[in-house]
Amino acid sequence: MWHHDLGNPRETSMLELATLIRDMVGSRAGIVHAPLPKDDPVRRNPDIALAQKLLGGWTPQVPLERGLEATIAYFRGLNGRPQG
């Protein structure tokens, strides 16, 4: 089953996200801090009001960590590595 990512109003910094993913996959890789592109928004906080209205009060149900677990498991499966 495919899901479209409408966004989640929970604000997470790129550093937090990179650190979380690195820890979840068991990597010891460093995190590189590079300059942002000139047109890159400094903050991302999606407005999901339209989705909530059109979908009868829909709200995100999958926490970030659980979504990342499923994504990591999927990509591990693509590479033929054992999951878990």
PDB file of N, CA and C in Angstrom:
ATOM      1  N   MET A   1       0.848  -1.172   0.000  1.00  0.00           N
ATOM      2  CA  MET A   1       0.000   0.000   0.000  1.00  0.00           C
ATOM      3  C   MET A   1       0.899   1.243   0.000  1.00  0.00           C
ATOM      4  N   TRP A   2       0.646   2.167  -0.914  1.00  0.00           N
ATOM      5  CA  TRP A   2       1.431   3.390  -1.013  1.00  0.00           C
ATOM      6  C   TRP A   2       0.700   4.527  -0.313  1.00  0.00           C
ATOM      7  N   HIS A   3       1.447   5.344   0.367  1.00  0.00           N
ATOM      8  CA  HIS A   3       0.889   6.511   1.050  1.00  0.00           C
ATOM      9  C   HIS A   3       1.577   7.752   0.505  1.00  0.00           C
ATOM     10  N   HIS A   4       0.821   8.796   0.354  1.00  0.00           N
ATOM     11  CA  HIS A   4       1.396  10.069  -0.071  1.00  0.00           C
ATOM     12  C   HIS A   4       1.717  10.877   1.176  1.00  0.00           C
ATOM     13  N   ASP A   5       2.878  11.481   1.187  1.00  0.00           N
ATOM     14  CA  ASP A   5       3.299  12.261   2.337  1.00  0.00           C
ATOM     15  C   ASP A   5       2.742  13.671   2.213  1.00  0.00           C
ATOM     16  N   LEU A   6       1.742  13.965   3.023  1.00  0.00           N
ATOM     17  CA  LEU A   6       1.160  15.300   3.030  1.00  0.00           C
ATOM     18  C   LEU A   6       1.912  16.232   3.953  1.00  0.00           C
ATOM     19  N   GLY A   7       2.789  15.679   4.745  1.00  0.00           N
ATOM     20  CA  GLY A   7       3.511  16.486   5.709  1.00  0.00           C
ATOM     21  C   GLY A   7       2.956  16.282   7.096  1.00  0.00           C
ATOM     22  N   ASN A   8       3.674  16.768   8.033  1.00  0.00           N
ATOM     23  CA  ASN A   8       3.286  16.649   9.424  1.00  0.00           C
ATOM     24  C   ASN A   8       3.688  17.938  10.111  1.00  0.00           C
ATOM     25  N   PRO A   9       2.796  18.541  10.868  1.00  0.00           N
ATOM     26  CA  PRO A   9       3.124  19.807  11.505  1.00  0.00           C
ATOM     27  C   PRO A   9       4.179  19.693  12.603  1.00  0.00           C
ATOM     28  N   ARG A  10       4.606  18.471  12.958  1.00  0.00           N
ATOM     29  CA  ARG A  10       5.688  18.320  13.939  1.00  0.00           C
ATOM     30  C   ARG A  10       6.980  18.825  13.295  1.00  0.00           C
ATOM     31  N   GLU A  11       7.561  19.831  13.880  1.00  0.00           N
ATOM     32  CA  GLU A  11       8.774  20.410  13.318  1.00  0.00           C
ATOM     33  C   GLU A  11       9.991  19.627  13.797  1.00  0.00           C
ATOM     34  N   THR A  12      10.814  19.188  12.849  1.00  0.00           N
ATOM     35  CA  THR A  12      12.026  18.438  13.132  1.00  0.00           C
ATOM     36  C   THR A  12      13.154  19.054  12.327  1.00  0.00           C
ATOM     37  N   SER A  13      14.259  19.369  12.970  1.00  0.00           N
ATOM     38  CA  SER A  13      15.382  19.958  12.236  1.00  0.00           C
ATOM     39  C   SER A  13      16.072  18.878  11.404  1.00  0.00           C
ATOM     40  N   MET A  14      16.774  19.300  10.373  1.00  0.00           N
ATOM     41  CA  MET A  14      17.508  18.346   9.538  1.00  0.00           C
ATOM     42  C   MET A  14      18.577  17.634  10.362  1.00  0.00           C
ATOM     43  N   LEU A  15      19.191  18.325  11.325  1.00  0.00           N
ATOM     44  CA  LEU A  15      20.185  17.693  12.185  1.00  0.00           C
ATOM     45  C   LEU A  15      19.539  16.602  13.038  1.00  0.00           C
ATOM     46  N   GLU A  16      18.364  16.898  13.603  1.00  0.00           N
ATOM     47  CA  GLU A  16      17.650  15.878  14.389  1.00  0.00           C
ATOM     48  C   GLU A  16      17.295  14.678  13.524  1.00  0.00           C
ATOM     49  N   LEU A  17      16.804  14.939  12.309  1.00  0.00           N
ATOM     50  CA  LEU A  17      16.418  13.864  11.410  1.00  0.00           C
ATOM     51  C   LEU A  17      17.630  13.023  11.004  1.00  0.00           C
ATOM     52  N   ALA A  18      18.722  13.678  10.632  1.00  0.00           N
ATOM     53  CA  ALA A  18      19.931  12.952  10.234  1.00  0.00           C
ATOM     54  C   ALA A  18      20.474  12.110  11.391  1.00  0.00           C
ATOM     55  N   THR A  19      20.471  12.673  12.587  1.00  0.00           N
ATOM     56  CA  THR A  19      20.962  11.948  13.768  1.00  0.00           C
ATOM     57  C   THR A  19      20.068  10.755  14.079  1.00  0.00           C
ATOM     58  N   LEU A  20      18.763  10.948  14.004  1.00  0.00           N
ATOM     59  CA  LEU A  20      17.810   9.876  14.271  1.00  0.00           C
ATOM     60  C   LEU A  20      17.998   8.728  13.277  1.00  0.00           C
ATOM     61  N   ILE A  21      18.096   9.054  11.994  1.00  0.00           N
ATOM     62  CA  ILE A  21      18.272   8.019  10.969  1.00  0.00           C
ATOM     63  C   ILE A  21      19.601   7.305  11.170  1.00  0.00           C
ATOM     64  N   ARG A  22      20.663   8.050  11.400  1.00  0.00           N
ATOM     65  CA  ARG A  22      21.981   7.449  11.614  1.00  0.00           C
ATOM     66  C   ARG A  22      21.935   6.464  12.775  1.00  0.00           C
ATOM     67  N   ASP A  23      21.299   6.872  13.873  1.00  0.00           N
ATOM     68  CA  ASP A  23      21.212   6.001  15.046  1.00  0.00           C
ATOM     69  C   ASP A  23      20.348   4.766  14.776  1.00  0.00           C
ATOM     70  N   MET A  24      19.257   4.956  14.046  1.00  0.00           N
ATOM     71  CA  MET A  24      18.346   3.844  13.776  1.00  0.00           C
ATOM     72  C   MET A  24      18.969   2.790  12.869  1.00  0.00           C
ATOM     73  N   VAL A  25      19.848   3.209  11.966  1.00  0.00           N
ATOM     74  CA  VAL A  25      20.472   2.238  11.065  1.00  0.00           C
ATOM     75  C   VAL A  25      21.779   1.694  11.632  1.00  0.00           C
ATOM     76  N   GLY A  26      22.192   2.225  12.791  1.00  0.00           N
ATOM     77  CA  GLY A  26      23.404   1.727  13.431  1.00  0.00           C
ATOM     78  C   GLY A  26      24.684   2.193  12.765  1.00  0.00           C
ATOM     79  N   SER A  27      24.641   3.351  12.155  1.00  0.00           N
ATOM     80  CA  SER A  27      25.815   3.887  11.467  1.00  0.00           C
ATOM     81  C   SER A  27      26.663   4.725  12.416  1.00  0.00           C
ATOM     82  N   ARG A  28      27.959   4.784  12.113  1.00  0.00           N
ATOM     83  CA  ARG A  28      28.849   5.679  12.852  1.00  0.00           C
ATOM     84  C   ARG A  28      29.313   6.831  11.960  1.00  0.00           C
ATOM     85  N   ALA A  29      28.635   7.012  10.839  1.00  0.00           N
ATOM     86  CA  ALA A  29      28.993   8.061   9.886  1.00  0.00           C
ATOM     87  C   ALA A  29      28.851   9.434  10.522  1.00  0.00           C
ATOM     88  N   GLY A  30      29.704  10.327  10.096  1.00  0.00           N
ATOM     89  CA  GLY A  30      29.611  11.706  10.555  1.00  0.00           C
ATOM     90  C   GLY A  30      28.494  12.432   9.820  1.00  0.00           C
ATOM     91  N   ILE A  31      28.138  13.566  10.335  1.00  0.00           N
ATOM     92  CA  ILE A  31      27.120  14.407   9.700  1.00  0.00           C
ATOM     93  C   ILE A  31      27.820  15.644   9.168  1.00  0.00           C
ATOM     94  N   VAL A  32      27.641  15.901   7.885  1.00  0.00           N
ATOM     95  CA  VAL A  32      28.304  17.022   7.220  1.00  0.00           C
ATOM     96  C   VAL A  32      27.382  18.234   7.254  1.00  0.00           C
ATOM     97  N   HIS A  33      27.904  19.340   7.699  1.00  0.00           N
ATOM     98  CA  HIS A  33      27.149  20.592   7.711  1.00  0.00           C
ATOM     99  C   HIS A  33      27.590  21.405   6.499  1.00  0.00           C
ATOM    100  N   ALA A  34      26.676  21.610   5.565  1.00  0.00           N
ATOM    101  CA  ALA A  34      26.981  22.334   4.334  1.00  0.00           C
ATOM    102  C   ALA A  34      26.087  23.565   4.248  1.00  0.00           C
ATOM    103  N   PRO A  35      26.516  24.569   3.490  1.00  0.00           N
ATOM    104  CA  PRO A  35      25.674  25.758   3.335  1.00  0.00           C
ATOM    105  C   PRO A  35      24.354  25.405   2.641  1.00  0.00           C
ATOM    106  N   LEU A  36      23.287  26.089   3.044  1.00  0.00           N
ATOM    107  CA  LEU A  36      21.987  25.887   2.413  1.00  0.00           C
ATOM    108  C   LEU A  36      21.970  26.522   1.032  1.00  0.00           C
ATOM    109  N   PRO A  37      21.226  25.942   0.101  1.00  0.00           N
ATOM    110  CA  PRO A  37      21.027  26.631  -1.182  1.00  0.00           C
ATOM    111  C   PRO A  37      20.327  27.964  -0.928  1.00  0.00           C
ATOM    112  N   LYS A  38      20.526  28.913  -1.800  1.00  0.00           N
ATOM    113  CA  LYS A  38      19.969  30.254  -1.601  1.00  0.00           C
ATOM    114  C   LYS A  38      18.446  30.259  -1.494  1.00  0.00           C
ATOM    115  N   ASP A  39      17.769  29.366  -2.225  1.00  0.00           N
ATOM    116  CA  ASP A  39      16.301  29.376  -2.217  1.00  0.00           C
ATOM    117  C   ASP A  39      15.710  28.364  -1.243  1.00  0.00           C
ATOM    118  N   ASP A  40      16.522  27.787  -0.379  1.00  0.00           N
ATOM    119  CA  ASP A  40      16.043  26.773   0.559  1.00  0.00           C
ATOM    120  C   ASP A  40      15.323  27.442   1.729  1.00  0.00           C
ATOM    121  N   PRO A  41      14.099  26.982   2.046  1.00  0.00           N
ATOM    122  CA  PRO A  41      13.415  27.579   3.197  1.00  0.00           C
ATOM    123  C   PRO A  41      14.117  27.207   4.501  1.00  0.00           C
ATOM    124  N   VAL A  42      14.190  28.152   5.403  1.00  0.00           N
ATOM    125  CA  VAL A  42      14.864  27.917   6.674  1.00  0.00           C
ATOM    126  C   VAL A  42      14.014  27.032   7.574  1.00  0.00           C
ATOM    127  N   ARG A  43      12.691  27.182   7.504  1.00  0.00           N
ATOM    128  CA  ARG A  43      11.782  26.366   8.321  1.00  0.00           C
ATOM    129  C   ARG A  43      10.768  25.693   7.419  1.00  0.00           C
ATOM    130  N   ARG A  44      10.448  24.464   7.767  1.00  0.00           N
ATOM    131  CA  ARG A  44       9.418  23.715   7.046  1.00  0.00           C
ATOM    132  C   ARG A  44       8.370  23.293   8.061  1.00  0.00           C
ATOM    133  N   ASN A  45       7.203  23.838   7.928  1.00  0.00           N
ATOM    134  CA  ASN A  45       6.105  23.481   8.823  1.00  0.00           C
ATOM    135  C   ASN A  45       4.841  23.445   7.977  1.00  0.00           C
ATOM    136  N   PRO A  46       4.520  22.265   7.407  1.00  0.00           N
ATOM    137  CA  PRO A  46       3.407  22.195   6.473  1.00  0.00           C
ATOM    138  C   PRO A  46       2.068  22.548   7.108  1.00  0.00           C
ATOM    139  N   ASP A  47       1.243  23.208   6.322  1.00  0.00           N
ATOM    140  CA  ASP A  47      -0.119  23.515   6.735  1.00  0.00           C
ATOM    141  C   ASP A  47      -1.008  22.410   6.184  1.00  0.00           C
ATOM    142  N   ILE A  48      -1.542  21.577   7.059  1.00  0.00           N
ATOM    143  CA  ILE A  48      -2.349  20.439   6.619  1.00  0.00           C
ATOM    144  C   ILE A  48      -3.844  20.722   6.725  1.00  0.00           C
ATOM    145  N   ALA A  49      -4.213  21.987   6.904  1.00  0.00           N
ATOM    146  CA  ALA A  49      -5.625  22.349   7.078  1.00  0.00           C
ATOM    147  C   ALA A  49      -6.474  21.930   5.884  1.00  0.00           C
ATOM    148  N   LEU A  50      -5.993  22.112   4.661  1.00  0.00           N
ATOM    149  CA  LEU A  50      -6.769  21.741   3.483  1.00  0.00           C
ATOM    150  C   LEU A  50      -6.997  20.229   3.448  1.00  0.00           C
ATOM    151  N   ALA A  51      -5.957  19.450   3.730  1.00  0.00           N
ATOM    152  CA  ALA A  51      -6.104  17.992   3.761  1.00  0.00           C
ATOM    153  C   ALA A  51      -7.111  17.590   4.833  1.00  0.00           C
ATOM    154  N   GLN A  52      -7.040  18.221   5.984  1.00  0.00           N
ATOM    155  CA  GLN A  52      -7.989  17.901   7.059  1.00  0.00           C
ATOM    156  C   GLN A  52      -9.417  18.208   6.633  1.00  0.00           C
ATOM    157  N   LYS A  53      -9.604  19.318   5.947  1.00  0.00           N
ATOM    158  CA  LYS A  53     -10.945  19.704   5.495  1.00  0.00           C
ATOM    159  C   LYS A  53     -11.453  18.725   4.436  1.00  0.00           C
ATOM    160  N   LEU A  54     -10.638  18.434   3.432  1.00  0.00           N
ATOM    161  CA  LEU A  54     -11.069  17.573   2.328  1.00  0.00           C
ATOM    162  C   LEU A  54     -11.231  16.114   2.745  1.00  0.00           C
ATOM    163  N   LEU A  55     -10.484  15.692   3.759  1.00  0.00           N
ATOM    164  CA  LEU A  55     -10.512  14.294   4.181  1.00  0.00           C
ATOM    165  C   LEU A  55     -11.304  14.089   5.469  1.00  0.00           C
ATOM    166  N   GLY A  56     -12.153  15.036   5.805  1.00  0.00           N
ATOM    167  CA  GLY A  56     -13.058  14.866   6.941  1.00  0.00           C
ATOM    168  C   GLY A  56     -12.372  14.803   8.294  1.00  0.00           C
ATOM    169  N   GLY A  57     -11.394  15.662   8.522  1.00  0.00           N
ATOM    170  CA  GLY A  57     -10.737  15.722   9.823  1.00  0.00           C
ATOM    171  C   GLY A  57      -9.488  14.860   9.927  1.00  0.00           C
ATOM    172  N   TRP A  58      -8.965  14.408   8.801  1.00  0.00           N
ATOM    173  CA  TRP A  58      -7.748  13.590   8.789  1.00  0.00           C
ATOM    174  C   TRP A  58      -6.625  14.260   9.570  1.00  0.00           C
ATOM    175  N   THR A  59      -5.870  13.478  10.289  1.00  0.00           N
ATOM    176  CA  THR A  59      -4.643  13.940  10.933  1.00  0.00           C
ATOM    177  C   THR A  59      -3.590  12.855  10.765  1.00  0.00           C
ATOM    178  N   PRO A  60      -2.306  13.227  10.777  1.00  0.00           N
ATOM    179  CA  PRO A  60      -1.242  12.226  10.664  1.00  0.00           C
ATOM    180  C   PRO A  60      -1.351  11.217  11.813  1.00  0.00           C
ATOM    181  N   GLN A  61      -1.209   9.943  11.499  1.00  0.00           N
ATOM    182  CA  GLN A  61      -1.343   8.891  12.510  1.00  0.00           C
ATOM    183  C   GLN A  61      -0.025   8.174  12.807  1.00  0.00           C
ATOM    184  N   VAL A  62       0.933   8.254  11.906  1.00  0.00           N
ATOM    185  CA  VAL A  62       2.180   7.506  12.060  1.00  0.00           C
ATOM    186  C   VAL A  62       3.258   8.437  12.611  1.00  0.00           C
ATOM    187  N   PRO A  63       3.780   8.138  13.803  1.00  0.00           N
ATOM    188  CA  PRO A  63       4.863   8.958  14.340  1.00  0.00           C
ATOM    189  C   PRO A  63       6.114   8.847  13.458  1.00  0.00           C
ATOM    190  N   LEU A  64       6.912   9.881  13.453  1.00  0.00           N
ATOM    191  CA  LEU A  64       8.124   9.930  12.634  1.00  0.00           C
ATOM    192  C   LEU A  64       8.972   8.679  12.814  1.00  0.00           C
ATOM    193  N   GLU A  65       9.211   8.295  14.045  1.00  0.00           N
ATOM    194  CA  GLU A  65      10.085   7.152  14.308  1.00  0.00           C
ATOM    195  C   GLU A  65       9.540   5.864  13.695  1.00  0.00           C
ATOM    196  N   ARG A  66       8.239   5.653  13.783  1.00  0.00           N
ATOM    197  CA  ARG A  66       7.646   4.438  13.220  1.00  0.00           C
ATOM    198  C   ARG A  66       7.692   4.471  11.696  1.00  0.00           C
ATOM    199  N   GLY A  67       7.480   5.629  11.118  1.00  0.00           N
ATOM    200  CA  GLY A  67       7.579   5.766   9.669  1.00  0.00           C
ATOM    201  C   GLY A  67       8.998   5.508   9.181  1.00  0.00           C
ATOM    202  N   LEU A  68       9.974   6.001   9.933  1.00  0.00           N
ATOM    203  CA  LEU A  68      11.374   5.751   9.567  1.00  0.00           C
ATOM    204  C   LEU A  68      11.715   4.275   9.696  1.00  0.00           C
ATOM    205  N   GLU A  69      11.205   3.615  10.733  1.00  0.00           N
ATOM    206  CA  GLU A  69      11.455   2.176  10.886  1.00  0.00           C
ATOM    207  C   GLU A  69      10.958   1.412   9.664  1.00  0.00           C
ATOM    208  N   ALA A  70       9.758   1.739   9.204  1.00  0.00           N
ATOM    209  CA  ALA A  70       9.196   1.060   8.033  1.00  0.00           C
ATOM    210  C   ALA A  70      10.006   1.368   6.777  1.00  0.00           C
ATOM    211  N   THR A  71      10.448   2.607   6.636  1.00  0.00           N
ATOM    212  CA  THR A  71      11.237   2.997   5.470  1.00  0.00           C
ATOM    213  C   THR A  71      12.583   2.286   5.463  1.00  0.00           C
ATOM    214  N   ILE A  72      13.242   2.237   6.612  1.00  0.00           N
ATOM    215  CA  ILE A  72      14.531   1.556   6.726  1.00  0.00           C
ATOM    216  C   ILE A  72      14.364   0.068   6.410  1.00  0.00           C
ATOM    217  N   ALA A  73      13.331  -0.548   6.942  1.00  0.00           N
ATOM    218  CA  ALA A  73      13.080  -1.969   6.677  1.00  0.00           C
ATOM    219  C   ALA A  73      12.853  -2.204   5.187  1.00  0.00           C
ATOM    220  N   TYR A  74      12.124  -1.319   4.544  1.00  0.00           N
ATOM    221  CA  TYR A  74      11.866  -1.442   3.115  1.00  0.00           C
ATOM    222  C   TYR A  74      13.173  -1.414   2.319  1.00  0.00           C
ATOM    223  N   PHE A  75      14.021  -0.428   2.591  1.00  0.00           N
ATOM    224  CA  PHE A  75      15.270  -0.311   1.843  1.00  0.00           C
ATOM    225  C   PHE A  75      16.240  -1.438   2.169  1.00  0.00           C
ATOM    226  N   ARG A  76      16.229  -1.913   3.373  1.00  0.00           N
ATOM    227  CA  ARG A  76      17.048  -3.082   3.704  1.00  0.00           C
ATOM    228  C   ARG A  76      16.580  -4.290   2.912  1.00  0.00           C
ATOM    229  N   GLY A  77      15.278  -4.432   2.754  1.00  0.00           N
ATOM    230  CA  GLY A  77      14.721  -5.526   1.963  1.00  0.00           C
ATOM    231  C   GLY A  77      15.119  -5.432   0.500  1.00  0.00           C
ATOM    232  N   LEU A  78      15.195  -4.224  -0.039  1.00  0.00           N
ATOM    233  CA  LEU A  78      15.608  -4.039  -1.432  1.00  0.00           C
ATOM    234  C   LEU A  78      17.049  -4.494  -1.635  1.00  0.00           C
ATOM    235  N   ASN A  79      17.860  -4.313  -0.636  1.00  0.00           N
ATOM    236  CA  ASN A  79      19.272  -4.670  -0.749  1.00  0.00           C
ATOM    237  C   ASN A  79      19.528  -6.129  -0.376  1.00  0.00           C
ATOM    238  N   GLY A  80      18.501  -6.869  -0.060  1.00  0.00           N
ATOM    239  CA  GLY A  80      18.656  -8.272   0.278  1.00  0.00           C
ATOM    240  C   GLY A  80      19.271  -8.518   1.642  1.00  0.00           C
ATOM    241  N   ARG A  81      19.347  -7.476   2.446  1.00  0.00           N
ATOM    242  CA  ARG A  81      19.887  -7.642   3.801  1.00  0.00           C
ATOM    243  C   ARG A  81      18.802  -8.129   4.724  1.00  0.00           C
ATOM    244  N   PRO A  82      19.176  -8.868   5.755  1.00  0.00           N
ATOM    245  CA  PRO A  82      18.159  -9.280   6.736  1.00  0.00           C
ATOM    246  C   PRO A  82      17.553  -8.058   7.412  1.00  0.00           C
ATOM    247  N   GLN A  83      16.264  -8.097   7.658  1.00  0.00           N
ATOM    248  CA  GLN A  83      15.582  -7.012   8.350  1.00  0.00           C
ATOM    249  C   GLN A  83      15.533  -7.310   9.837  1.00  0.00           C
ATOM    250  N   GLY A  84      15.971  -6.357  10.627  1.00  0.00           N
ATOM    251  CA  GLY A  84      15.896  -6.531  12.076  1.00  0.00           C
ATOM    252  C   GLY A  84      17.232  -6.556  12.633  1.00  0.00           C
TER     253      GLY A  84
END
